[in-house]
Amino acid sequence: QVQLVESGGGLVQPGGSLRLSCAASGNIFNIYGMGWYRQAPGKQRELVATIISGGTTNYAASVKGRFTVSRDNAKKMVYLQMNSLKPEDTAVYYCHADRVVTPLGTLYDYWGQGTQVTVSS
């Protein structure tokens, strides 16, 4: 069984910073894609940033230049450094893993439980 657990959310003032972490656990050989999505109240879940095992990253236009996604393949962790936060960044942030290689084969599409990020003065 693969589990993703996020940490690092909270309340921050506009212009502030937060760092989210996500740890993958289970009998995992490798994870191809990891990343972050977010869902604000009344809105659909949207991509924030992704990173594949080779290091290539992809960002939503709204966060490019402010957020940085990184990963530690050995620790099976993915991070999201969020700077210059804006009230519109307020959402529940979800960790995502895709193409997880396990002894049972390659498994797809795992989600964490989410962590709340609130940007407010």
N, C-alpha and C. Protein backbone atom coordinates (compact mmCIF):
# COMPACT_ATOMS: atom_id res chain seq x y z
N GLN A 1 0.86 -1.19 0.00
CA GLN A 1 0.00 0.00 0.00
C GLN A 1 0.89 1.24 0.00
N VAL A 2 0.54 2.20 -0.83
CA VAL A 2 1.30 3.45 -0.93
C VAL A 2 0.52 4.54 -0.22
N GLN A 3 1.21 5.29 0.61
CA GLN A 3 0.59 6.42 1.30
C GLN A 3 1.41 7.68 1.09
N LEU A 4 0.71 8.81 0.98
CA LEU A 4 1.35 10.12 0.88
C LEU A 4 0.87 10.95 2.05
N VAL A 5 1.81 11.56 2.76
CA VAL A 5 1.46 12.38 3.91
C VAL A 5 2.11 13.75 3.76
N GLU A 6 1.25 14.79 3.74
CA GLU A 6 1.74 16.16 3.61
C GLU A 6 1.95 16.80 4.98
N SER A 7 2.80 17.80 5.01
CA SER A 7 2.98 18.62 6.21
C SER A 7 3.46 20.00 5.79
N GLY A 8 3.31 20.95 6.71
CA GLY A 8 3.87 22.28 6.47
C GLY A 8 2.86 23.37 6.16
N GLY A 9 1.59 23.04 6.08
CA GLY A 9 0.60 24.08 5.83
C GLY A 9 0.40 24.97 7.04
N GLY A 10 -0.40 26.01 6.85
CA GLY A 10 -0.68 26.91 7.96
C GLY A 10 -1.17 28.25 7.50
N LEU A 11 -1.16 29.20 8.42
CA LEU A 11 -1.60 30.57 8.15
C LEU A 11 -0.37 31.46 7.98
N VAL A 12 -0.38 32.25 6.92
CA VAL A 12 0.74 33.14 6.65
C VAL A 12 0.21 34.45 6.10
N GLN A 13 0.91 35.53 6.36
CA GLN A 13 0.50 36.84 5.84
C GLN A 13 0.88 36.97 4.37
N PRO A 14 0.17 37.81 3.64
CA PRO A 14 0.55 38.07 2.25
C PRO A 14 2.01 38.51 2.16
N GLY A 15 2.70 37.95 1.16
CA GLY A 15 4.12 38.22 1.00
C GLY A 15 5.01 37.25 1.74
N GLY A 16 4.41 36.43 2.58
CA GLY A 16 5.19 35.48 3.36
C GLY A 16 5.53 34.21 2.59
N SER A 17 6.15 33.27 3.31
CA SER A 17 6.60 32.02 2.70
C SER A 17 6.17 30.82 3.54
N LEU A 18 6.00 29.71 2.87
CA LEU A 18 5.75 28.42 3.51
C LEU A 18 6.44 27.35 2.70
N ARG A 19 6.78 26.26 3.38
CA ARG A 19 7.35 25.11 2.68
C ARG A 19 6.52 23.88 3.01
N LEU A 20 5.98 23.26 1.98
CA LEU A 20 5.22 22.03 2.14
C LEU A 20 6.13 20.83 1.86
N SER A 21 5.88 19.78 2.61
CA SER A 21 6.62 18.53 2.41
C SER A 21 5.62 17.40 2.23
N CYS A 22 6.02 16.39 1.48
CA CYS A 22 5.18 15.20 1.29
C CYS A 22 6.08 13.99 1.29
N ALA A 23 5.74 13.05 2.15
CA ALA A 23 6.51 11.82 2.26
C ALA A 23 5.69 10.65 1.74
N ALA A 24 6.29 9.87 0.86
CA ALA A 24 5.66 8.66 0.35
C ALA A 24 6.18 7.47 1.13
N SER A 25 5.26 6.60 1.53
CA SER A 25 5.66 5.41 2.28
C SER A 25 5.03 4.18 1.66
N GLY A 26 5.62 3.02 1.97
CA GLY A 26 5.17 1.76 1.39
C GLY A 26 6.35 1.08 0.72
N ASN A 27 6.10 -0.06 0.14
CA ASN A 27 7.15 -0.82 -0.54
C ASN A 27 7.31 -0.27 -1.96
N ILE A 28 8.10 0.77 -2.08
CA ILE A 28 8.22 1.53 -3.32
C ILE A 28 9.64 1.43 -3.88
N PHE A 29 9.73 1.07 -5.16
CA PHE A 29 11.03 1.06 -5.81
C PHE A 29 11.37 2.44 -6.38
N ASN A 30 10.35 3.05 -7.00
CA ASN A 30 10.59 4.31 -7.68
C ASN A 30 9.26 5.01 -7.91
N ILE A 31 9.31 6.33 -7.97
CA ILE A 31 8.12 7.13 -8.30
C ILE A 31 8.49 8.03 -9.47
N TYR A 32 7.76 7.91 -10.58
CA TYR A 32 8.08 8.71 -11.75
C TYR A 32 7.72 10.18 -11.55
N GLY A 33 6.49 10.46 -11.30
CA GLY A 33 6.03 11.84 -11.18
C GLY A 33 5.52 12.14 -9.79
N MET A 34 5.91 13.27 -9.26
CA MET A 34 5.37 13.76 -7.98
C MET A 34 5.02 15.22 -8.15
N GLY A 35 4.10 15.67 -7.35
CA GLY A 35 3.75 17.07 -7.50
C GLY A 35 2.70 17.53 -6.53
N TRP A 36 2.23 18.75 -6.79
CA TRP A 36 1.27 19.41 -5.92
C TRP A 36 0.10 19.96 -6.73
N TYR A 37 -1.09 19.77 -6.17
CA TYR A 37 -2.30 20.35 -6.70
C TYR A 37 -2.96 21.11 -5.56
N ARG A 38 -3.90 21.97 -5.90
CA ARG A 38 -4.61 22.69 -4.85
C ARG A 38 -6.07 22.86 -5.23
N GLN A 39 -6.89 23.02 -4.20
CA GLN A 39 -8.32 23.22 -4.41
C GLN A 39 -8.81 24.27 -3.45
N ALA A 40 -9.29 25.37 -4.00
CA ALA A 40 -9.87 26.45 -3.21
C ALA A 40 -11.37 26.21 -3.07
N PRO A 41 -12.00 26.78 -2.06
CA PRO A 41 -13.45 26.57 -1.87
C PRO A 41 -14.23 26.98 -3.11
N GLY A 42 -15.10 26.09 -3.56
CA GLY A 42 -15.94 26.37 -4.71
C GLY A 42 -15.25 26.25 -6.06
N LYS A 43 -14.01 25.81 -6.06
CA LYS A 43 -13.26 25.70 -7.31
C LYS A 43 -12.79 24.27 -7.53
N GLN A 44 -12.44 23.97 -8.77
CA GLN A 44 -11.91 22.65 -9.09
C GLN A 44 -10.45 22.53 -8.65
N ARG A 45 -10.04 21.30 -8.43
CA ARG A 45 -8.64 21.06 -8.11
C ARG A 45 -7.79 21.42 -9.33
N GLU A 46 -6.67 22.10 -9.08
CA GLU A 46 -5.81 22.53 -10.17
C GLU A 46 -4.36 22.18 -9.91
N LEU A 47 -3.62 22.01 -10.99
CA LEU A 47 -2.21 21.71 -10.89
C LEU A 47 -1.47 22.94 -10.38
N VAL A 48 -0.52 22.71 -9.47
CA VAL A 48 0.36 23.77 -9.00
C VAL A 48 1.75 23.58 -9.60
N ALA A 49 2.34 22.40 -9.34
CA ALA A 49 3.68 22.12 -9.84
C ALA A 49 3.92 20.63 -9.83
N THR A 50 4.68 20.14 -10.81
CA THR A 50 5.05 18.74 -10.85
C THR A 50 6.54 18.61 -11.14
N ILE A 51 7.07 17.46 -10.77
CA ILE A 51 8.48 17.18 -11.03
C ILE A 51 8.62 15.69 -11.29
N ILE A 52 9.30 15.33 -12.37
CA ILE A 52 9.50 13.92 -12.66
C ILE A 52 10.83 13.45 -12.09
N SER A 53 11.06 12.17 -12.12
CA SER A 53 12.22 11.61 -11.44
C SER A 53 13.54 12.16 -11.97
N GLY A 54 13.56 12.56 -13.25
CA GLY A 54 14.78 13.13 -13.82
C GLY A 54 15.01 14.57 -13.45
N GLY A 55 14.00 15.21 -12.86
CA GLY A 55 14.15 16.58 -12.39
C GLY A 55 13.41 17.63 -13.19
N THR A 56 12.81 17.26 -14.31
CA THR A 56 12.07 18.24 -15.11
C THR A 56 10.83 18.69 -14.34
N THR A 57 10.62 20.01 -14.34
CA THR A 57 9.52 20.57 -13.57
C THR A 57 8.50 21.25 -14.49
N ASN A 58 7.30 21.42 -13.94
CA ASN A 58 6.24 22.09 -14.66
C ASN A 58 5.44 22.89 -13.63
N TYR A 59 5.11 24.14 -13.96
CA TYR A 59 4.41 25.01 -13.02
C TYR A 59 3.17 25.61 -13.66
N ALA A 60 2.17 25.85 -12.82
CA ALA A 60 1.04 26.67 -13.26
C ALA A 60 1.55 28.10 -13.46
N ALA A 61 0.96 28.78 -14.42
CA ALA A 61 1.38 30.14 -14.72
C ALA A 61 1.24 31.06 -13.51
N SER A 62 0.23 30.79 -12.70
CA SER A 62 -0.06 31.66 -11.56
C SER A 62 0.99 31.58 -10.45
N VAL A 63 1.81 30.55 -10.45
CA VAL A 63 2.80 30.39 -9.38
C VAL A 63 4.23 30.45 -9.89
N LYS A 64 4.41 30.49 -11.19
CA LYS A 64 5.75 30.47 -11.77
C LYS A 64 6.53 31.69 -11.27
N GLY A 65 7.76 31.43 -10.82
CA GLY A 65 8.58 32.50 -10.29
C GLY A 65 8.42 32.73 -8.80
N ARG A 66 7.36 32.17 -8.22
CA ARG A 66 7.14 32.33 -6.78
C ARG A 66 7.29 31.00 -6.04
N PHE A 67 6.90 29.91 -6.68
CA PHE A 67 6.94 28.58 -6.06
C PHE A 67 8.06 27.76 -6.70
N THR A 68 8.65 26.88 -5.90
CA THR A 68 9.67 25.97 -6.40
C THR A 68 9.38 24.56 -5.90
N VAL A 69 9.27 23.62 -6.84
CA VAL A 69 9.05 22.22 -6.47
C VAL A 69 10.39 21.50 -6.56
N SER A 70 10.63 20.60 -5.61
CA SER A 70 11.85 19.80 -5.61
C SER A 70 11.53 18.44 -5.02
N ARG A 71 12.44 17.50 -5.18
CA ARG A 71 12.21 16.16 -4.63
C ARG A 71 13.53 15.54 -4.22
N ASP A 72 13.40 14.60 -3.30
CA ASP A 72 14.53 13.78 -2.86
C ASP A 72 14.15 12.35 -3.18
N ASN A 73 14.68 11.79 -4.25
CA ASN A 73 14.29 10.46 -4.69
C ASN A 73 14.65 9.39 -3.66
N ALA A 74 15.78 9.55 -3.02
CA ALA A 74 16.21 8.55 -2.04
C ALA A 74 15.25 8.50 -0.85
N LYS A 75 14.76 9.67 -0.43
CA LYS A 75 13.83 9.73 0.71
C LYS A 75 12.38 9.61 0.28
N LYS A 76 12.15 9.60 -1.03
CA LYS A 76 10.78 9.51 -1.56
C LYS A 76 9.93 10.68 -1.04
N MET A 77 10.51 11.87 -1.16
CA MET A 77 9.82 13.06 -0.69
C MET A 77 9.77 14.10 -1.81
N VAL A 78 8.72 14.93 -1.74
CA VAL A 78 8.59 16.06 -2.64
C VAL A 78 8.27 17.29 -1.79
N TYR A 79 8.79 18.43 -2.22
CA TYR A 79 8.65 19.66 -1.47
C TYR A 79 8.07 20.75 -2.37
N LEU A 80 7.44 21.74 -1.72
CA LEU A 80 6.97 22.91 -2.44
C LEU A 80 7.34 24.14 -1.61
N GLN A 81 8.30 24.90 -2.09
CA GLN A 81 8.67 26.16 -1.45
C GLN A 81 7.81 27.26 -2.06
N MET A 82 7.04 27.92 -1.22
CA MET A 82 6.11 28.94 -1.68
C MET A 82 6.54 30.29 -1.11
N ASN A 83 6.90 31.19 -1.99
CA ASN A 83 7.31 32.54 -1.61
C ASN A 83 6.33 33.56 -2.17
N SER A 84 6.40 34.76 -1.63
CA SER A 84 5.54 35.86 -2.09
C SER A 84 4.09 35.42 -2.17
N LEU A 85 3.63 34.79 -1.13
CA LEU A 85 2.27 34.25 -1.12
C LEU A 85 1.22 35.34 -1.21
N LYS A 86 0.14 35.01 -1.91
CA LYS A 86 -0.97 35.94 -2.11
C LYS A 86 -2.25 35.33 -1.54
N PRO A 87 -3.22 36.15 -1.20
CA PRO A 87 -4.50 35.59 -0.69
C PRO A 87 -5.11 34.57 -1.66
N GLU A 88 -4.92 34.75 -2.94
CA GLU A 88 -5.49 33.81 -3.90
C GLU A 88 -4.78 32.46 -3.92
N ASP A 89 -3.69 32.33 -3.19
CA ASP A 89 -3.04 31.03 -3.03
C ASP A 89 -3.71 30.19 -1.94
N THR A 90 -4.66 30.77 -1.24
CA THR A 90 -5.36 30.05 -0.19
C THR A 90 -6.11 28.86 -0.77
N ALA A 91 -5.83 27.68 -0.23
CA ALA A 91 -6.43 26.44 -0.74
C ALA A 91 -5.96 25.28 0.11
N VAL A 92 -6.58 24.14 -0.14
CA VAL A 92 -6.03 22.88 0.38
C VAL A 92 -5.06 22.36 -0.67
N TYR A 93 -3.85 22.08 -0.24
CA TYR A 93 -2.80 21.61 -1.15
C TYR A 93 -2.65 20.10 -1.01
N TYR A 94 -2.67 19.41 -2.14
CA TYR A 94 -2.61 17.96 -2.17
C TYR A 94 -1.33 17.49 -2.86
N CYS A 95 -0.69 16.54 -2.24
CA CYS A 95 0.46 15.87 -2.84
C CYS A 95 -0.05 14.77 -3.78
N HIS A 96 0.64 14.59 -4.89
CA HIS A 96 0.24 13.59 -5.87
C HIS A 96 1.45 12.78 -6.33
N ALA A 97 1.25 11.49 -6.51
CA ALA A 97 2.30 10.63 -7.06
C ALA A 97 1.71 9.80 -8.20
N ASP A 98 2.47 9.68 -9.25
CA ASP A 98 2.01 8.96 -10.43
C ASP A 98 3.08 7.98 -10.89
N ARG A 99 2.65 6.84 -11.39
CA ARG A 99 3.55 5.77 -11.84
C ARG A 99 4.52 5.40 -10.73
N VAL A 100 3.94 4.77 -9.69
CA VAL A 100 4.69 4.31 -8.54
C VAL A 100 5.06 2.85 -8.77
N VAL A 101 6.35 2.56 -8.83
CA VAL A 101 6.81 1.20 -9.11
C VAL A 101 6.97 0.45 -7.79
N THR A 102 6.22 -0.65 -7.66
CA THR A 102 6.22 -1.46 -6.44
C THR A 102 6.46 -2.92 -6.82
N PRO A 103 6.64 -3.81 -5.82
CA PRO A 103 6.77 -5.23 -6.14
C PRO A 103 5.54 -5.80 -6.85
N LEU A 104 4.40 -5.12 -6.72
CA LEU A 104 3.17 -5.59 -7.36
C LEU A 104 3.03 -5.05 -8.78
N GLY A 105 3.96 -4.21 -9.18
CA GLY A 105 3.89 -3.60 -10.50
C GLY A 105 3.81 -2.09 -10.39
N THR A 106 3.48 -1.45 -11.51
CA THR A 106 3.39 0.02 -11.53
C THR A 106 1.97 0.43 -11.20
N LEU A 107 1.85 1.26 -10.18
CA LEU A 107 0.55 1.74 -9.71
C LEU A 107 0.43 3.23 -10.00
N TYR A 108 -0.81 3.67 -10.21
CA TYR A 108 -1.02 5.02 -10.70
C TYR A 108 -1.86 5.86 -9.75
N ASP A 109 -1.58 7.16 -9.74
CA ASP A 109 -2.52 8.15 -9.25
C ASP A 109 -2.82 8.04 -7.76
N TYR A 110 -1.84 8.40 -6.93
CA TYR A 110 -2.03 8.44 -5.49
C TYR A 110 -2.11 9.88 -5.01
N TRP A 111 -2.94 10.10 -3.98
CA TRP A 111 -3.14 11.43 -3.43
C TRP A 111 -2.93 11.42 -1.91
N GLY A 112 -2.39 12.52 -1.41
CA GLY A 112 -2.34 12.72 0.02
C GLY A 112 -3.67 13.24 0.53
N GLN A 113 -3.75 13.44 1.85
CA GLN A 113 -5.01 13.86 2.46
C GLN A 113 -5.22 15.37 2.36
N GLY A 114 -4.18 16.11 2.03
CA GLY A 114 -4.29 17.55 1.87
C GLY A 114 -3.84 18.31 3.10
N THR A 115 -3.30 19.50 2.87
CA THR A 115 -2.91 20.38 3.97
C THR A 115 -3.38 21.80 3.63
N GLN A 116 -3.97 22.46 4.62
CA GLN A 116 -4.55 23.78 4.39
C GLN A 116 -3.47 24.85 4.39
N VAL A 117 -3.52 25.71 3.37
CA VAL A 117 -2.68 26.91 3.33
C VAL A 117 -3.62 28.11 3.27
N THR A 118 -3.48 29.00 4.22
CA THR A 118 -4.31 30.20 4.28
C THR A 118 -3.40 31.42 4.27
N VAL A 119 -3.63 32.30 3.30
CA VAL A 119 -2.84 33.53 3.19
C VAL A 119 -3.77 34.70 3.50
N SER A 120 -3.54 35.31 4.63
CA SER A 120 -4.43 36.37 5.10
C SER A 120 -3.71 37.26 6.10
N SER A 121 -4.09 38.53 6.09
CA SER A 121 -3.55 39.45 7.07
C SER A 121 -4.46 39.55 8.29
